[in-house]
Protein backbone atom coordinates (compact mmCIF):
# COMPACT_ATOMS: atom_id res chain seq x y z
CA UNK A 1 46.01 113.74 97.70
CA UNK A 2 48.49 111.37 99.32
CA UNK A 3 48.13 107.83 98.00
CA UNK A 4 48.87 106.14 101.29
CA UNK A 5 47.32 108.19 104.07
CA UNK A 6 44.69 106.80 106.41
CA UNK A 7 42.92 108.89 109.04
CA UNK A 8 41.32 107.04 111.94
CA UNK A 9 39.05 109.39 113.90
CA UNK A 10 36.95 109.29 117.10
CA UNK A 11 38.88 106.35 118.61
CA UNK A 12 39.57 105.53 122.23
CA UNK A 13 43.29 104.71 122.21
CA UNK A 14 44.74 102.06 124.51
CA UNK A 15 48.51 101.77 124.45
CA UNK A 16 50.90 100.41 127.10
CA UNK A 17 52.56 103.07 129.28
CA UNK A 18 50.59 105.92 127.64
CA UNK A 19 47.35 107.61 128.69
CA UNK A 20 45.27 109.18 125.94
CA UNK A 21 42.41 111.32 127.26
CA UNK A 22 39.09 111.17 125.43
CA UNK A 23 38.57 110.45 121.75
CA UNK A 24 41.57 110.78 119.49
CA UNK A 25 42.41 110.84 115.80
CA UNK A 26 45.42 109.08 114.32
CA UNK A 27 47.04 109.66 110.93
CA UNK A 28 48.93 106.96 109.07
CA UNK A 29 51.32 107.97 106.29
CA UNK A 30 52.63 105.05 104.25
CA UNK A 31 53.65 102.48 106.89
CA UNK A 32 54.03 104.67 110.00
CA UNK A 33 51.96 106.61 112.51
CA UNK A 34 52.59 110.26 111.67
CA UNK A 35 50.24 112.16 114.00
CA UNK A 36 47.99 111.61 117.04
CA UNK A 37 45.69 114.41 118.19
CA UNK A 38 42.07 115.04 119.27
CA UNK A 39 41.40 116.53 115.82
CA UNK A 40 43.35 116.07 112.57
CA UNK A 41 42.60 117.88 109.30
CA UNK A 42 40.85 115.58 106.80
CA UNK A 43 42.18 117.43 103.75
CA UNK A 44 44.46 115.39 101.45
CA UNK A 45 43.67 112.13 103.24
CA UNK A 46 43.28 109.05 101.07
CA UNK A 47 41.03 107.07 103.41
CA UNK A 48 39.01 107.90 106.53
CA UNK A 49 37.96 105.30 109.11
CA UNK A 50 35.38 106.45 111.66
CA UNK A 51 36.24 104.57 114.86
CA UNK A 52 33.29 105.82 116.94
CA UNK A 53 32.55 103.19 119.58
CA UNK A 54 35.85 101.42 118.94
CA UNK A 55 39.03 100.93 120.94
CA UNK A 56 42.29 101.41 119.02
CA UNK A 57 45.33 99.53 120.20
CA UNK A 58 48.61 98.15 118.86
CA UNK A 59 48.37 95.01 116.75
CA UNK A 60 48.81 92.00 119.03
CA UNK A 61 52.06 90.03 119.03
CA UNK A 62 52.12 86.22 119.29
CA UNK A 63 55.66 85.23 120.30
CA UNK A 64 55.37 81.46 119.96
CA UNK A 65 53.43 79.45 117.45
CA UNK A 66 53.76 76.84 114.71
CA UNK A 67 51.47 78.44 112.16
CA UNK A 68 51.18 75.59 109.66
CA UNK A 69 49.95 73.29 112.44
CA UNK A 70 46.50 74.79 111.90
CA UNK A 71 46.15 71.75 109.62
CA UNK A 72 46.42 69.49 112.69
CA UNK A 73 43.73 71.30 114.70
CA UNK A 74 41.80 68.70 116.73
CA UNK A 75 43.94 65.85 115.41
CA UNK A 76 45.21 64.51 118.74
CA UNK A 77 43.41 66.03 121.71
CA UNK A 78 43.40 65.05 125.39
CA UNK A 79 46.91 63.59 125.41
CA UNK A 80 50.19 64.25 127.22
CA UNK A 81 52.89 66.14 125.29
CA UNK A 82 55.02 62.99 124.97
CA UNK A 83 52.23 60.87 123.47
CA UNK A 84 50.88 63.81 121.44
CA UNK A 85 54.27 64.34 119.76
CA UNK A 86 55.56 60.78 119.37
CA UNK A 87 52.36 58.94 118.49
CA UNK A 88 50.49 61.53 116.45
CA UNK A 89 52.20 64.79 115.47
CA UNK A 90 55.64 63.57 114.39
CA UNK A 91 54.20 60.74 112.20
CA UNK A 92 51.92 63.30 110.52
CA UNK A 93 54.75 65.82 110.08
CA UNK A 94 56.80 63.19 108.25
CA UNK A 95 54.45 63.68 105.28
CA UNK A 96 54.49 67.47 105.21
CA UNK A 97 55.77 69.37 102.20
CA UNK A 98 56.10 73.02 101.22
CA UNK A 99 52.64 73.24 99.70
CA UNK A 100 50.97 71.87 102.83
CA UNK A 101 52.89 74.26 105.06
CA UNK A 102 52.01 77.15 102.77
CA UNK A 103 48.27 76.48 102.91
CA UNK A 104 48.45 75.82 106.67
CA UNK A 105 50.23 79.15 107.12
CA UNK A 106 47.61 80.96 105.02
CA UNK A 107 44.87 79.42 107.16
CA UNK A 108 46.72 80.57 110.26
CA UNK A 109 47.15 84.05 108.80
CA UNK A 110 43.40 84.36 108.26
CA UNK A 111 42.82 83.48 111.91
CA UNK A 112 45.52 85.88 113.13
CA UNK A 113 44.17 88.81 111.11
CA UNK A 114 40.58 88.18 112.16
CA UNK A 115 41.50 88.05 115.85
CA UNK A 116 43.81 91.09 115.88
CA UNK A 117 47.32 89.63 115.73
CA UNK A 118 49.60 91.49 113.33
CA UNK A 119 52.95 89.90 114.30
CA UNK A 120 53.81 86.30 115.09
CA UNK A 121 56.98 84.35 115.84
CA UNK A 122 57.03 80.95 114.20
CA UNK A 123 59.17 77.84 114.47
CA UNK A 124 58.49 75.03 112.03
CA UNK A 125 59.47 73.44 108.71
CA UNK A 126 59.35 74.56 105.04
CA UNK A 127 59.69 78.08 106.35
CA UNK A 128 60.29 79.68 102.96
CA UNK A 129 56.77 78.57 102.07
CA UNK A 130 55.53 80.11 105.31
CA UNK A 131 57.36 83.32 104.33
CA UNK A 132 55.47 83.27 101.01
CA UNK A 133 52.18 83.08 102.92
CA UNK A 134 53.25 85.94 105.22
CA UNK A 135 54.11 88.08 102.22
CA UNK A 136 50.68 87.49 100.66
CA UNK A 137 48.78 87.98 103.92
CA UNK A 138 50.44 91.32 104.73
CA UNK A 139 51.29 90.46 108.34
CA UNK A 140 54.61 90.69 110.19
CA UNK A 141 56.62 87.63 111.23
CA UNK A 142 59.74 86.35 112.91
CA UNK A 143 60.50 82.98 111.32
CA UNK A 144 62.80 80.22 112.51
CA UNK A 145 63.44 76.75 111.19
CA UNK A 146 62.87 74.07 113.86
CA UNK A 147 66.29 72.48 114.27
CA UNK A 148 66.38 68.89 115.58
CA UNK A 149 69.50 66.71 115.29
CA UNK A 150 69.27 64.19 118.16
CA UNK A 151 73.09 64.15 118.20
CA UNK A 152 73.46 63.14 114.53
CA UNK A 153 76.36 65.10 113.00
CA UNK A 154 75.10 64.90 109.41
CA UNK A 155 71.64 66.04 110.47
CA UNK A 156 73.17 68.84 112.53
CA UNK A 157 75.00 70.25 109.52
CA UNK A 158 71.81 70.08 107.46
CA UNK A 159 69.74 71.84 110.15
CA UNK A 160 72.24 74.69 110.38
CA UNK A 161 72.30 74.96 106.58
CA UNK A 162 68.47 75.08 106.47
CA UNK A 163 68.25 77.90 109.01
CA UNK A 164 71.02 79.93 107.37
CA UNK A 165 69.42 79.50 103.94
CA UNK A 166 66.16 80.80 105.42
CA UNK A 167 68.06 83.81 106.79
CA UNK A 168 69.77 84.50 103.46
CA UNK A 169 66.57 84.19 101.43
CA UNK A 170 63.91 85.66 103.72
CA UNK A 171 65.39 88.02 106.30
CA UNK A 172 64.07 91.48 105.44
CA UNK A 173 61.67 90.29 102.72
CA UNK A 174 58.02 91.39 102.39
CA UNK A 175 58.92 95.10 102.72
CA UNK A 176 60.93 94.33 105.84
CA UNK A 177 58.04 92.55 107.57
CA UNK A 178 59.95 89.27 107.90
CA UNK A 179 62.82 88.71 110.29
CA UNK A 180 64.64 85.38 110.74
CA UNK A 181 65.79 83.78 114.01
CA UNK A 182 67.57 80.50 114.73
CA UNK A 183 65.16 77.82 115.96
CA UNK A 184 66.88 75.03 117.93
CA UNK A 185 63.83 73.02 119.00
CA UNK A 186 64.73 72.28 122.63
CA UNK A 187 67.52 71.11 124.97
CA UNK A 188 66.34 67.50 124.55
CA UNK A 189 66.11 67.38 120.73
CA UNK A 190 69.07 69.63 119.86
CA UNK A 191 72.55 68.40 120.78
CA UNK A 192 75.00 70.42 122.83
CA UNK A 193 77.15 70.82 119.69
CA UNK A 194 74.18 72.25 117.78
CA UNK A 195 73.28 74.67 120.57
CA UNK A 196 76.87 75.92 120.87
CA UNK A 197 77.07 76.42 117.09
CA UNK A 198 73.74 78.29 117.10
CA UNK A 199 75.08 80.71 119.72
CA UNK A 200 78.23 81.31 117.67
CA UNK A 201 76.28 81.93 114.45
CA UNK A 202 73.62 84.07 116.18
CA UNK A 203 76.39 86.37 117.39
CA UNK A 204 78.00 86.42 113.93
CA UNK A 205 74.81 87.27 112.03
CA UNK A 206 72.95 89.26 114.69
CA UNK A 207 70.10 86.74 114.76
CA UNK A 208 67.80 85.96 117.67
CA UNK A 209 67.21 82.46 119.05
CA UNK A 210 63.77 80.86 119.53
CA UNK A 211 63.73 77.68 121.66
CA UNK A 212 61.33 75.57 123.76
CA UNK A 213 62.61 75.25 127.34
CA UNK A 214 61.25 73.59 130.49
CA UNK A 215 57.83 72.77 129.10
CA UNK A 216 57.14 69.59 131.08
CA UNK A 217 58.28 67.82 134.23
CA UNK A 218 59.50 64.94 132.03
CA UNK A 219 61.83 67.33 130.20
CA UNK A 220 63.29 68.48 133.51
CA UNK A 221 63.86 64.89 134.58
CA UNK A 222 65.36 63.81 131.25
CA UNK A 223 67.73 66.78 130.92
CA UNK A 224 68.74 66.56 134.60
CA UNK A 225 69.49 62.85 134.21
CA UNK A 226 71.57 63.34 131.08
CA UNK A 227 73.35 66.60 131.95
CA UNK A 228 73.24 66.70 135.74
CA UNK A 229 71.65 70.14 135.46
CA UNK A 230 68.15 71.57 135.00
CA UNK A 231 67.47 72.93 131.47
CA UNK A 232 68.20 76.62 132.10
CA UNK A 233 71.25 75.73 134.20
CA UNK A 234 72.53 73.60 131.31
CA UNK A 235 71.85 76.30 128.68
CA UNK A 236 73.58 78.86 130.91
CA UNK A 237 76.61 76.61 131.34
CA UNK A 238 77.09 76.14 127.58
CA UNK A 239 76.66 79.88 126.95
CA UNK A 240 73.49 79.82 124.85
CA UNK A 241 71.50 82.32 126.89
CA UNK A 242 71.32 86.06 126.27
CA UNK A 243 68.91 88.97 125.66
CA UNK A 244 68.30 87.70 122.11
CA UNK A 245 66.84 84.37 123.33
CA UNK A 246 63.08 83.77 123.44
CA UNK A 247 62.35 80.76 125.66
CA UNK A 248 58.91 79.32 124.97
CA UNK A 249 56.92 77.83 127.85
CA UNK A 250 59.37 78.06 130.82
CA UNK A 251 56.88 76.24 133.04
CA UNK A 252 59.06 74.30 135.46
CA UNK A 253 61.52 76.78 136.96
CA UNK A 254 63.54 76.74 140.14
CA UNK A 255 64.36 80.01 141.91
CA UNK A 256 67.94 79.58 140.69
CA UNK A 257 66.74 79.29 137.10
CA UNK A 258 64.59 82.41 137.44
CA UNK A 259 67.75 84.23 138.52
CA UNK A 260 69.60 82.78 135.49
CA UNK A 261 66.80 84.06 133.21
CA UNK A 262 66.94 87.51 134.85
CA UNK A 263 70.74 87.71 134.76
CA UNK A 264 70.88 86.82 131.06
CA UNK A 265 67.87 89.01 130.16
CA UNK A 266 66.24 86.00 128.47
CA UNK A 267 62.73 86.71 127.15
CA UNK A 268 59.95 84.28 128.07
CA UNK A 269 56.97 83.37 125.85
CA UNK A 270 54.09 82.21 128.06
CA UNK A 271 51.67 79.73 126.45
CA UNK A 272 48.94 79.12 129.05
CA UNK A 273 46.24 77.39 126.96
CA UNK A 274 48.62 74.86 125.43
CA UNK A 275 50.25 74.23 128.82
CA UNK A 276 46.82 73.64 130.36
CA UNK A 277 45.52 71.45 127.54
CA UNK A 278 48.59 69.20 127.56
CA UNK A 279 48.59 69.26 131.40
CA UNK A 280 52.18 70.50 131.28
CA UNK A 281 51.83 72.79 134.30
CA UNK A 282 51.51 76.46 135.25
CA UNK A 283 54.39 78.83 134.50
CA UNK A 284 55.35 81.06 137.47
CA UNK A 285 54.61 84.25 135.52
CA UNK A 286 53.92 86.39 138.59
CA UNK A 287 57.40 85.48 139.94
CA UNK A 288 58.99 86.30 136.59
CA UNK A 289 57.27 89.69 136.55
CA UNK A 290 58.40 90.38 140.13
CA UNK A 291 61.95 89.85 138.86
CA UNK A 292 61.47 92.32 135.98
CA UNK A 293 61.75 89.55 133.40
CA UNK A 294 60.18 90.25 130.00
CA UNK A 295 57.19 87.91 129.61
CA UNK A 296 55.28 87.89 126.33
CA UNK A 297 52.37 85.73 125.17
CA UNK A 298 52.10 82.88 122.67
CA UNK A 299 49.38 80.49 121.60
CA UNK A 300 51.63 77.58 120.57
CA UNK A 301 50.34 75.69 117.54
CA UNK A 302 46.65 75.32 116.79
CA UNK A 303 47.03 71.58 117.31
CA UNK A 304 47.59 72.04 121.04
CA UNK A 305 45.49 75.10 121.80
CA UNK A 306 43.28 74.82 119.51
CA UNK A 307 42.99 78.41 118.29
CA UNK A 308 45.19 81.44 117.71
CA UNK A 309 43.00 83.99 119.53
CA UNK A 310 45.48 86.08 121.51
CA UNK A 311 42.81 88.03 123.41
CA UNK A 312 41.46 84.76 124.78
CA UNK A 313 45.04 83.70 125.57
CA UNK A 314 45.68 86.90 127.56
CA UNK A 315 42.51 86.42 129.62
CA UNK A 316 43.54 82.83 130.35
CA UNK A 317 47.04 83.97 131.34
CA UNK A 318 45.65 86.52 133.77
CA UNK A 319 43.09 84.20 135.35
CA UNK A 320 45.54 81.31 135.60
CA UNK A 321 48.03 83.41 137.58
CA UNK A 322 45.28 84.64 139.89
CA UNK A 323 43.98 81.17 140.72
CA UNK A 324 47.42 79.58 141.02
CA UNK A 325 48.71 82.28 143.42
CA UNK A 326 45.31 82.86 145.10
CA UNK A 327 45.97 86.57 144.54
CA UNK A 328 43.38 88.45 142.40
CA UNK A 329 45.77 91.36 141.88
CA UNK A 330 48.49 89.54 139.94
CA UNK A 331 48.77 89.95 136.17
CA UNK A 332 46.15 92.69 136.00
CA UNK A 333 44.54 93.81 132.76
CA UNK A 334 47.09 96.58 132.10
CA UNK A 335 49.95 94.08 132.53
CA UNK A 336 48.15 91.64 130.24
CA UNK A 337 47.76 94.30 127.52
CA UNK A 338 51.50 95.04 127.79
CA UNK A 339 52.25 91.31 127.58
CA UNK A 340 50.35 91.09 124.28
CA UNK A 341 51.87 94.24 122.77
CA UNK A 342 55.07 96.01 123.91
CA UNK A 343 56.49 93.01 125.80
CA UNK A 344 56.02 90.89 122.68
CA UNK A 345 57.81 93.54 120.64
CA UNK A 346 60.62 93.64 123.19
CA UNK A 347 60.94 89.85 123.14
CA UNK A 348 61.39 89.89 119.37
CA UNK A 349 63.75 92.88 119.32
CA UNK A 350 61.11 94.99 117.55
CA UNK A 351 60.12 97.41 120.34
CA UNK A 352 61.57 100.42 118.51
CA UNK A 353 59.17 99.69 115.61
CA UNK A 354 55.97 98.14 117.01
CA UNK A 355 54.11 97.31 120.23
CA UNK A 356 52.73 100.71 121.19
CA UNK A 357 50.82 103.60 119.64
CA UNK A 358 53.44 106.30 119.11
CA UNK A 359 54.31 108.75 116.35
CA UNK A 360 57.10 107.27 114.23
CA UNK A 361 56.25 103.66 114.96
CA UNK A 362 54.97 101.25 112.33
CA UNK A 363 51.23 101.43 111.70
CA UNK A 364 50.34 98.03 113.15
CA UNK A 365 46.91 98.83 114.58
CA UNK A 366 43.66 97.08 115.44
CA UNK A 367 40.19 98.40 116.24
CA UNK A 368 37.93 96.54 118.66
CA UNK A 369 34.20 97.18 118.40
CA UNK A 370 32.53 97.80 121.77
CA UNK A 371 29.04 97.74 120.25
CA UNK A 372 28.63 94.06 121.03
CA UNK A 373 26.71 92.19 123.74
CA UNK A 374 29.86 91.00 125.54
CA UNK A 375 31.33 94.54 125.62
CA UNK A 376 28.29 96.48 126.96
CA UNK A 377 28.09 98.41 129.23
CA UNK A 378 31.43 100.09 128.59
CA UNK A 379 33.92 99.42 131.35
CA UNK A 380 35.59 102.42 132.98
CA UNK A 381 38.83 100.63 132.12
CA UNK A 382 39.54 99.96 128.45
CA UNK A 383 42.07 97.27 129.35
CA UNK A 384 39.58 95.45 131.61
CA UNK A 385 36.96 95.49 128.88
CA UNK A 386 39.38 93.92 126.41
CA UNK A 387 41.12 91.37 128.65
CA UNK A 388 38.11 90.13 130.64
CA UNK A 389 35.18 90.71 128.26
CA UNK A 390 36.40 90.62 124.66
CA UNK A 391 37.59 87.88 122.36
CA UNK A 392 39.03 87.81 118.87
CA UNK A 393 35.62 88.06 117.21
CA UNK A 394 35.27 91.62 118.57
CA UNK A 395 38.13 92.79 116.32
CA UNK A 396 36.66 94.99 113.60
CA UNK A 397 39.71 96.30 111.72
CA UNK A 398 43.30 95.07 111.37
CA UNK A 399 46.07 97.19 109.86
CA UNK A 400 49.70 96.06 109.45
CA UNK A 401 52.53 98.20 108.08
CA UNK A 402 49.95 100.83 107.11
CA UNK A 403 47.91 98.41 105.00
CA UNK A 404 44.32 97.53 105.86
CA UNK A 405 44.09 93.72 106.05
CA UNK A 406 40.54 93.60 107.46
CA UNK A 407 37.84 96.27 107.72
CA UNK A 408 34.34 95.89 109.17
CA UNK A 409 35.30 92.24 109.88
CA UNK A 410 35.85 91.56 106.17
CA UNK A 411 39.27 90.47 104.93
CA UNK A 412 40.71 92.69 102.22
CA UNK A 413 43.77 90.57 101.36
CA UNK A 414 43.00 86.84 101.39
CA UNK A 415 40.25 84.64 99.96
CA UNK A 416 38.92 82.85 103.04
CA UNK A 417 36.73 80.30 101.29
CA UNK A 418 39.47 79.20 98.92
CA UNK A 419 41.92 78.79 101.80
CA UNK A 420 39.43 76.79 103.89
CA UNK A 421 38.76 74.42 100.97
CA UNK A 422 42.47 73.86 100.33
CA UNK A 423 43.18 73.30 104.04
CA UNK A 424 40.41 70.70 104.31
CA UNK A 425 41.80 68.87 101.28
CA UNK A 426 45.36 69.02 102.67
CA UNK A 427 44.48 67.27 105.93
CA UNK A 428 42.57 64.56 104.04
CA UNK A 429 45.69 63.87 101.98
CA UNK A 430 47.98 63.94 105.04
CA UNK A 431 45.83 61.45 106.93
CA UNK A 432 45.72 59.14 103.90
CA UNK A 433 49.53 59.22 103.66
CA UNK A 434 50.07 57.73 107.12
């Protein structure tokens, strides 16, 4: 008997760009999908999962979050981004340490696993502690250190050193589940010198770049005033942009900037709930899609969302585009599924490994239970049933890299109650420190 073989049988498979007819079986060997067929022999299989009544799809991919900010959930609601950051979040972050970020990341990992996300892209601080949490949780991550120098040369050198140390220590760790990107925070917190150096080092080391761009109207005004150019025009001028750049938010875009994004093959991470909650605006996703730009989905941090449920985020993304364009056909459920799976993989440079259900790809798989009040009667379209009816609580099973992280809605890797207790204590201590 093989030690690491899992057979999932009787599943309805939903995968971007592939049509699977009727119920299917899927065989996992070690960390990859080795066979997909209507029937697969059960002999010499280590574990069998009967997926009758369940939809099987790729693990979801969250391309922009700040995982440890789960600790700040509900801390500063109903505020503008400027006030939220300056008056509440940054003062709280001044007291963070590695242990707090570790427990915040574990709390985030529990939420990700339970709502069907197997891969996330993170930008924050104490990222080696976040990597430790990722390793323990069994999920996949792209980690970047949030680089902010405000034009200070000494700080700039330190920020570069921090991100390179993260790369040296964590890139490829956790059985290859962790990848490291550069994380210059934004065009208004990272100096031109820092951004130019990041581009040079990203080329040297083959690293991606994760950056917030054009999130608010104030950012547009501030960057335009200082540089005489809109944010994407400025980043294009200094040579930062390229196919390895993931630009989070991208809300306020001119037609010229959309062309700059297309020309440079920049990947966009759309964060609708955070953008709505902070009243930042509505990203022109339908226009980006018309221009064949890769748009993925992100939740942002749990302090500005306030959850990490990517199924809910995809529904919001779809509905927001429909109401903002007054066109019910834009960002349909199939496009939304792609946004949460293969487009996320493409954004992170992982589309050869994850993002779709194919033989040879990593076994990052979730099962969604349709035997639930909000999923009955079964829709004729699997994607419609998931995007418009489901939410994260309908996820029954989560598998990453061939390892079962949750089955029958029960975590198999982390102690939820212990993590919740430690997270509650951490925020008490952080509030007392201010």
